[in-house]
C-alpha cells in the first residue's frame, strides 16, 4: 500500500511545498534504514520498512527554517491518498478515517528543516493504521485452559469457498501444537465432500471427526461432538458449518440453531482476504445476523494489497485472531499487527 502512495507523492513536483529561506542550513541526515524485521512464523519473508517512523518532534517544528505545506498541497495529497487506498481494497469508512487523521496532523503545522513531506505522511499514516489494527490481544490457549465449562467450543461460519473446512483442520493442528486436544464436528452436512475432507484431515492429525450421514441436522452433529468431547475429556470442539450467504434466511436460522445447541465460547468468521471489500461486507452482515467474536482471514500471504485486513477489523470492531499464510497445517498463525504494518508500509510491496 505505501509503495503506491509513495509513487503518487513523488510524481508531484517538490515545488508544491513552500520553499525554505535561501540561507537555510544543510538538511540533517535522516536515520538509516531499519534492519529487516524477524520473519513471522511460516508467513514468508517479512517486508522491510524503509526507516522507523519518526516522532512529531522529529517531523514538526516552529523555527525560522520550518516550512508549512500549502493547503492546496494537503488537499491534493488527500485526494491521491483516497485513490490509492480504494485501489488497495480499503473500505470507504477506513479511507475517511485515514483522511481525517492525516488532515488533522498536517493542517497548520510546519515541517522541520530537512524533513520531506513524504516522511511526515508516512509517519502519520503508520500511526493511524496501527491504532486501527491494535485490538485487545486474545490469549486463546489460556482462555481454553481456564474456561469454567469444558469442552471449549468454537463455531466457524462464513460464505462458500473461503477455505473454512481447511481452516478448521489447520486450527486443530495449531491446538495440538499448543498441547491441547480437539475434536471436529463435521457440520457441513450438505456436502459429502466436506465430511470426507475432514475425515482425511482428522486421520492425518490424529483428531476425532464426529459426523452423521449427508443431509443430517448439523446441530445434532455439534451436540454429538460435544458429548464425545465431554466423555473423553477433550479440550476443544471445532464446529465446521456449511457456507452460507447472510441473505439465505433458512441457512441463517440453521446457524442460529447450531449456536443455541452448541453454546460456543467463540464464534469466528472465516473470510478470504483476496475478495477485498467483499469480505468486509460479509463479516459485517454475519455479525449482524449471528454475532461473531473474531475474524480469521485466509490467503493473506497472497493478498498484495492488504486493505481487507485493515478494513474488516475497523468495520466490524472485531479482532483478527488468525490468518492463513500457506497450505500446510502450520500455516494458520495468530495475527500479528506489527507484521501487518510492516507488510503495508514496506518499500517494495506491491499494491
Protein backbone atom coordinates (compact mmCIF):
# COMPACT_ATOMS: atom_id res chain seq x y z
CA UNK A 1 0.00 0.00 0.00
CA UNK A 2 2.71 2.50 0.99
CA UNK A 3 4.67 1.84 -2.20
CA UNK A 4 1.70 3.00 -4.29
CA UNK A 5 1.13 6.07 -2.10
CA UNK A 6 4.82 6.94 -2.27
CA UNK A 7 4.87 6.64 -6.06
CA UNK A 8 1.98 9.12 -6.35
CA UNK A 9 3.62 11.54 -3.93
CA UNK A 10 6.86 11.51 -5.87
CA UNK A 11 5.08 12.31 -9.09
CA UNK A 12 4.12 15.61 -7.57
CA UNK A 13 6.59 18.42 -8.04
CA UNK A 14 8.61 19.40 -4.99
CA UNK A 15 7.65 22.97 -5.78
CA UNK A 16 4.26 22.23 -4.23
CA UNK A 17 5.89 22.95 -0.90
CA UNK A 18 6.66 26.47 0.29
CA UNK A 19 10.43 26.81 -0.17
CA UNK A 20 12.51 27.47 2.96
CA UNK A 21 14.64 30.64 3.22
CA UNK A 22 17.64 30.68 0.92
CA UNK A 23 20.04 30.76 3.87
CA UNK A 24 18.71 27.55 5.42
CA UNK A 25 21.38 25.23 6.78
CA UNK A 26 22.08 21.87 5.16
CA UNK A 27 19.45 19.26 5.91
CA UNK A 28 20.35 16.85 8.70
CA UNK A 29 20.92 13.25 7.73
CA UNK A 30 17.91 11.03 8.15
CA UNK A 31 18.24 7.79 10.11
CA UNK A 32 19.45 4.84 8.09
CA UNK A 33 17.04 2.15 7.07
CA UNK A 34 15.99 -0.26 9.77
CA UNK A 35 17.28 -3.84 9.55
CA UNK A 36 14.86 -6.44 8.27
CA UNK A 37 12.24 -7.41 10.82
CA UNK A 38 12.20 -11.01 12.00
CA UNK A 39 10.27 -13.41 9.83
CA UNK A 40 6.75 -14.06 11.04
CA UNK A 41 6.21 -17.80 11.65
CA UNK A 42 5.61 -19.58 8.34
CA UNK A 43 4.47 -16.35 6.74
CA UNK A 44 7.20 -16.00 4.14
CA UNK A 45 9.82 -13.26 4.06
CA UNK A 46 8.87 -10.30 6.20
CA UNK A 47 8.80 -6.99 4.30
CA UNK A 48 11.41 -4.47 5.31
CA UNK A 49 10.34 -0.91 6.18
CA UNK A 50 12.35 1.96 4.74
CA UNK A 51 13.02 3.53 8.13
CA UNK A 52 11.47 3.63 11.59
CA UNK A 53 8.50 6.01 11.81
CA UNK A 54 9.56 9.44 13.01
CA UNK A 55 8.13 11.15 16.07
CA UNK A 56 6.32 14.50 15.98
CA UNK A 57 9.40 16.14 17.48
CA UNK A 58 11.48 14.92 14.55
CA UNK A 59 8.94 15.97 11.95
CA UNK A 60 7.37 19.23 13.03
CA UNK A 61 8.77 22.46 14.40
CA UNK A 62 8.29 26.19 14.62
CA UNK A 63 11.76 27.52 13.99
CA UNK A 64 12.72 30.10 11.40
CA UNK A 65 13.64 27.44 8.88
CA UNK A 66 10.46 25.37 9.32
CA UNK A 67 8.10 25.41 6.34
CA UNK A 68 4.39 24.92 6.05
CA UNK A 69 2.72 22.76 3.44
CA UNK A 70 0.26 24.70 1.33
CA UNK A 71 -3.38 23.92 1.99
CA UNK A 72 -3.88 23.01 -1.66
CA UNK A 73 -0.96 20.59 -1.44
CA UNK A 74 -2.55 18.85 1.54
CA UNK A 75 -5.83 18.61 -0.35
CA UNK A 76 -4.05 17.09 -3.36
CA UNK A 77 -2.25 14.58 -1.13
CA UNK A 78 -5.54 13.57 0.49
CA UNK A 79 -7.15 13.06 -2.91
CA UNK A 80 -4.21 10.92 -4.05
CA UNK A 81 -4.34 9.01 -0.79
CA UNK A 82 -8.02 8.23 -1.23
CA UNK A 83 -7.47 6.86 -4.75
CA UNK A 84 -4.61 4.58 -3.64
CA UNK A 85 -6.46 3.31 -0.58
CA UNK A 86 -9.60 2.49 -2.55
CA UNK A 87 -7.46 0.70 -5.16
CA UNK A 88 -5.90 -1.26 -2.27
CA UNK A 89 -9.32 -2.59 -1.20
CA UNK A 90 -9.53 -0.30 1.82
CA UNK A 91 -13.18 0.26 2.72
CA UNK A 92 -14.57 3.77 2.46
CA UNK A 93 -15.08 4.24 6.25
CA UNK A 94 -11.38 3.43 6.75
CA UNK A 95 -10.36 5.78 3.94
CA UNK A 96 -12.35 8.56 5.60
CA UNK A 97 -10.73 7.84 8.97
CA UNK A 98 -7.21 7.94 7.48
CA UNK A 99 -8.01 11.16 5.60
CA UNK A 100 -9.23 12.78 8.83
CA UNK A 101 -6.12 11.70 10.71
CA UNK A 102 -3.77 12.97 8.02
CA UNK A 103 -5.60 16.28 7.63
CA UNK A 104 -5.64 16.86 11.39
CA UNK A 105 -1.94 16.12 11.76
CA UNK A 106 -0.73 18.20 8.79
CA UNK A 107 -3.05 21.19 8.68
CA UNK A 108 -1.45 24.34 10.01
CA UNK A 109 1.78 22.62 11.09
CA UNK A 110 5.28 23.26 9.85
CA UNK A 111 7.86 20.69 8.81
CA UNK A 112 11.30 20.95 10.36
CA UNK A 113 14.11 21.89 8.06
CA UNK A 114 15.27 18.90 6.04
CA UNK A 115 12.09 16.88 6.63
CA UNK A 116 10.30 15.81 3.47
CA UNK A 117 6.52 15.82 3.30
CA UNK A 118 6.72 12.14 2.40
CA UNK A 119 8.27 11.32 5.78
CA UNK A 120 5.53 13.14 7.66
CA UNK A 121 2.78 11.47 5.67
CA UNK A 122 4.40 8.05 6.21
CA UNK A 123 4.63 8.54 9.98
CA UNK A 124 1.08 9.85 10.40
CA UNK A 125 -0.42 7.09 8.25
CA UNK A 126 1.51 4.36 10.05
CA UNK A 127 0.36 5.61 13.45
CA UNK A 128 -3.23 5.71 12.24
CA UNK A 129 -3.06 2.20 10.77
CA UNK A 130 -1.52 0.84 13.97
CA UNK A 131 -4.35 2.32 16.02
CA UNK A 132 -6.91 0.60 13.77
CA UNK A 133 -5.20 -2.78 13.95
CA UNK A 134 -4.47 -2.55 17.68
CA UNK A 135 -7.23 -4.70 19.10
CA UNK A 136 -7.09 -6.19 22.56
CA UNK A 137 -4.95 -9.36 22.30
CA UNK A 138 -6.56 -12.73 22.98
CA UNK A 139 -4.54 -15.47 24.68
CA UNK A 140 -6.65 -18.32 23.35
CA UNK A 141 -4.71 -21.23 24.93
CA UNK A 142 -5.00 -19.55 28.33
CA UNK A 143 -8.72 -18.89 27.77
CA UNK A 144 -9.28 -22.54 26.85
CA UNK A 145 -7.38 -23.87 29.87
CA UNK A 146 -9.14 -21.53 32.29
CA UNK A 147 -12.67 -21.96 30.88
CA UNK A 148 -15.23 -22.93 33.53
CA UNK A 149 -17.17 -25.07 31.05
CA UNK A 150 -15.46 -27.89 29.16
CA UNK A 151 -15.07 -28.56 26.32
CA UNK A 152 -14.33 -25.11 24.91
CA UNK A 153 -16.50 -24.84 21.78
CA UNK A 154 -15.52 -22.81 18.71
CA UNK A 155 -18.00 -22.29 15.88
CA UNK A 156 -16.76 -21.40 12.39
CA UNK A 157 -19.07 -19.52 9.99
CA UNK A 158 -18.71 -17.82 6.61
CA UNK A 159 -19.71 -17.88 2.98
CA UNK A 160 -18.93 -20.62 0.47
CA UNK A 161 -15.42 -21.05 -0.85
CA UNK A 162 -13.42 -19.21 1.81
CA UNK A 163 -11.44 -22.25 2.98
CA UNK A 164 -13.47 -22.73 6.15
CA UNK A 165 -13.22 -26.53 6.31
CA UNK A 166 -9.46 -26.43 5.71
CA UNK A 167 -9.16 -23.69 8.34
CA UNK A 168 -10.91 -25.91 10.89
CA UNK A 169 -8.36 -28.66 10.23
CA UNK A 170 -5.47 -26.19 10.50
CA UNK A 171 -6.94 -24.95 13.76
CA UNK A 172 -6.88 -28.50 15.13
CA UNK A 173 -3.20 -28.69 14.16
CA UNK A 174 -2.49 -25.38 15.88
CA UNK A 175 -4.24 -26.54 19.06
CA UNK A 176 -2.17 -29.72 19.05
CA UNK A 177 0.98 -27.59 18.88
CA UNK A 178 -0.26 -25.76 21.99
CA UNK A 179 -0.68 -29.04 23.85
CA UNK A 180 -4.48 -29.00 23.57
CA UNK A 181 -6.68 -31.82 22.30
CA UNK A 182 -9.62 -31.27 19.97
CA UNK A 183 -12.50 -32.96 18.19
CA UNK A 184 -14.11 -31.75 14.98
CA UNK A 185 -17.84 -31.63 14.29
CA UNK A 186 -18.44 -32.13 10.56
CA UNK A 187 -21.37 -29.74 10.49
CA UNK A 188 -21.37 -29.13 6.73
CA UNK A 189 -23.82 -31.95 6.09
CA UNK A 190 -24.85 -30.50 2.73
CA UNK A 191 -21.60 -31.63 1.10
CA UNK A 192 -20.38 -35.20 1.39
CA UNK A 193 -17.08 -33.86 0.13
CA UNK A 194 -16.70 -31.63 3.18
CA UNK A 195 -17.21 -34.59 5.52
CA UNK A 196 -14.72 -36.72 3.57
CA UNK A 197 -12.23 -33.85 3.56
CA UNK A 198 -12.40 -33.56 7.35
CA UNK A 199 -12.05 -37.32 7.76
CA UNK A 200 -8.79 -37.22 5.81
CA UNK A 201 -7.52 -34.28 7.87
CA UNK A 202 -8.60 -35.96 11.09
CA UNK A 203 -6.69 -39.12 10.23
CA UNK A 204 -3.55 -37.14 9.40
CA UNK A 205 -3.78 -35.08 12.59
CA UNK A 206 -4.94 -37.81 14.91
CA UNK A 207 -8.15 -35.88 15.66
CA UNK A 208 -11.58 -37.46 16.02
CA UNK A 209 -14.11 -36.23 13.46
CA UNK A 210 -17.72 -36.63 14.60
CA UNK A 211 -20.10 -36.96 11.67
CA UNK A 212 -23.54 -38.08 10.59
CA UNK A 213 -24.86 -39.02 7.12
CA UNK A 214 -25.14 -36.37 4.43
CA UNK A 215 -28.26 -34.27 4.95
CA UNK A 216 -28.36 -34.79 8.73
CA UNK A 217 -29.14 -31.97 11.16
CA UNK A 218 -25.89 -30.01 11.72
CA UNK A 219 -26.99 -29.08 15.25
CA UNK A 220 -27.23 -32.80 16.07
CA UNK A 221 -23.67 -33.29 14.80
CA UNK A 222 -22.49 -30.47 17.05
CA UNK A 223 -24.35 -31.99 20.01
CA UNK A 224 -22.74 -35.40 19.43
CA UNK A 225 -19.26 -33.87 19.13
CA UNK A 226 -19.65 -32.00 22.42
CA UNK A 227 -20.93 -35.16 24.14
CA UNK A 228 -17.95 -37.10 22.81
CA UNK A 229 -15.54 -34.41 24.00
CA UNK A 230 -17.04 -34.43 27.50
CA UNK A 231 -16.81 -38.22 27.71
CA UNK A 232 -13.20 -38.30 26.51
CA UNK A 233 -12.02 -35.12 28.31
CA UNK A 234 -11.18 -33.41 25.02
CA UNK A 235 -10.25 -29.74 25.45
CA UNK A 236 -11.85 -28.13 22.37
CA UNK A 237 -14.64 -28.85 19.91
CA UNK A 238 -14.31 -27.22 16.48
CA UNK A 239 -17.61 -26.97 14.61
CA UNK A 240 -17.44 -26.70 10.84
CA UNK A 241 -20.58 -25.37 9.14
CA UNK A 242 -21.88 -25.12 5.60
CA UNK A 243 -21.00 -21.95 3.73
CA UNK A 244 -23.98 -19.63 3.60
CA UNK A 245 -24.92 -16.16 2.47
CA UNK A 246 -26.36 -13.82 5.07
CA UNK A 247 -29.41 -13.38 2.81
CA UNK A 248 -30.35 -17.08 2.97
CA UNK A 249 -32.84 -16.99 5.82
CA UNK A 250 -33.17 -20.77 6.13
CA UNK A 251 -29.44 -21.30 6.46
CA UNK A 252 -29.09 -18.38 8.87
CA UNK A 253 -31.82 -19.88 11.04
CA UNK A 254 -29.97 -23.19 10.90
CA UNK A 255 -26.78 -21.46 12.07
CA UNK A 256 -28.71 -19.88 14.94
CA UNK A 257 -29.95 -23.32 15.93
CA UNK A 258 -26.38 -24.64 15.98
CA UNK A 259 -25.43 -21.72 18.24
CA UNK A 260 -28.30 -22.47 20.63
CA UNK A 261 -27.40 -26.17 20.84
CA UNK A 262 -23.62 -25.79 20.98
CA UNK A 263 -23.43 -22.56 23.03
CA UNK A 264 -19.98 -21.75 21.59
CA UNK A 265 -17.47 -19.86 23.66
CA UNK A 266 -16.15 -18.32 20.44
CA UNK A 267 -17.77 -17.72 17.04
CA UNK A 268 -15.26 -16.99 14.29
CA UNK A 269 -16.00 -15.61 10.84
CA UNK A 270 -13.71 -17.09 8.17
CA UNK A 271 -13.16 -14.83 5.17
CA UNK A 272 -10.99 -14.82 2.06
CA UNK A 273 -8.62 -11.84 2.10
CA UNK A 274 -8.38 -11.92 -1.70
CA UNK A 275 -12.03 -10.92 -2.07
CA UNK A 276 -11.20 -7.40 -0.87
CA UNK A 277 -14.18 -5.32 0.17
CA UNK A 278 -16.49 -8.32 -0.22
CA UNK A 279 -15.01 -9.94 2.87
CA UNK A 280 -15.59 -6.72 4.84
CA UNK A 281 -19.27 -6.62 3.90
CA UNK A 282 -19.66 -10.34 4.58
CA UNK A 283 -18.12 -10.06 8.04
CA UNK A 284 -20.32 -7.10 8.92
CA UNK A 285 -23.51 -8.83 7.81
CA UNK A 286 -22.65 -12.11 9.54
CA UNK A 287 -22.02 -10.16 12.72
CA UNK A 288 -25.44 -8.54 12.42
CA UNK A 289 -27.18 -11.85 11.65
CA UNK A 290 -25.38 -14.20 14.05
CA UNK A 291 -22.93 -12.27 16.18
CA UNK A 292 -19.23 -13.03 15.77
CA UNK A 293 -16.36 -12.70 18.22
CA UNK A 294 -13.42 -12.51 15.86
CA UNK A 295 -12.09 -12.93 12.34
CA UNK A 296 -9.93 -15.49 10.56
CA UNK A 297 -8.61 -14.29 7.19
CA UNK A 298 -7.39 -16.89 4.73
CA UNK A 299 -4.91 -16.43 1.86
CA UNK A 300 -3.38 -13.36 3.45
CA UNK A 301 0.02 -14.38 2.09
CA UNK A 302 -1.33 -13.88 -1.45
CA UNK A 303 -3.02 -10.55 -0.73
CA UNK A 304 -0.66 -7.93 -2.14
CA UNK A 305 -2.98 -5.02 -1.30
CA UNK A 306 -3.66 -5.56 2.39
CA UNK A 307 -6.80 -3.47 2.56
CA UNK A 308 -9.12 -6.34 3.54
CA UNK A 309 -7.45 -6.98 6.89
CA UNK A 310 -7.35 -3.30 7.77
CA UNK A 311 -10.96 -2.75 6.76
CA UNK A 312 -12.52 -5.88 8.25
CA UNK A 313 -11.35 -5.20 11.79
CA UNK A 314 -12.24 -1.49 11.59
CA UNK A 315 -15.75 -2.00 10.21
CA UNK A 316 -16.73 -4.90 12.49
CA UNK A 317 -14.81 -3.71 15.58
CA UNK A 318 -13.77 -7.35 15.98
CA UNK A 319 -10.17 -8.55 16.29
CA UNK A 320 -8.40 -10.60 13.65
CA UNK A 321 -7.36 -13.66 15.63
CA UNK A 322 -5.74 -15.85 12.98
CA UNK A 323 -4.58 -15.60 9.39
CA UNK A 324 -3.85 -18.21 6.77
CA UNK A 325 -0.43 -17.78 5.16
CA UNK A 326 0.01 -21.04 3.28
CA UNK A 327 -1.34 -24.51 2.59
CA UNK A 328 0.21 -26.52 5.42
CA UNK A 329 -1.26 -27.30 8.82
CA UNK A 330 1.30 -24.97 10.37
CA UNK A 331 0.27 -22.10 8.11
CA UNK A 332 -2.56 -20.85 10.30
CA UNK A 333 -0.90 -18.36 12.64
CA UNK A 334 -2.07 -15.86 15.26
CA UNK A 335 -2.48 -12.42 13.73
CA UNK A 336 0.45 -10.10 14.37
CA UNK A 337 -0.45 -6.39 13.86
CA UNK A 338 3.25 -5.44 13.64
CA UNK A 339 3.75 -7.91 10.80
CA UNK A 340 0.74 -6.44 9.00
CA UNK A 341 2.02 -2.88 9.41
CA UNK A 342 5.45 -3.90 8.06
CA UNK A 343 3.70 -5.51 5.10
CA UNK A 344 1.58 -2.46 4.34
CA UNK A 345 4.45 0.01 4.64
CA UNK A 346 7.23 -1.99 3.01
CA UNK A 347 9.12 -0.05 0.36
CA UNK A 348 8.93 -2.77 -2.27
CA UNK A 349 5.49 -4.15 -1.54
CA UNK A 350 3.03 -4.31 -4.36
CA UNK A 351 -0.27 -2.51 -4.26
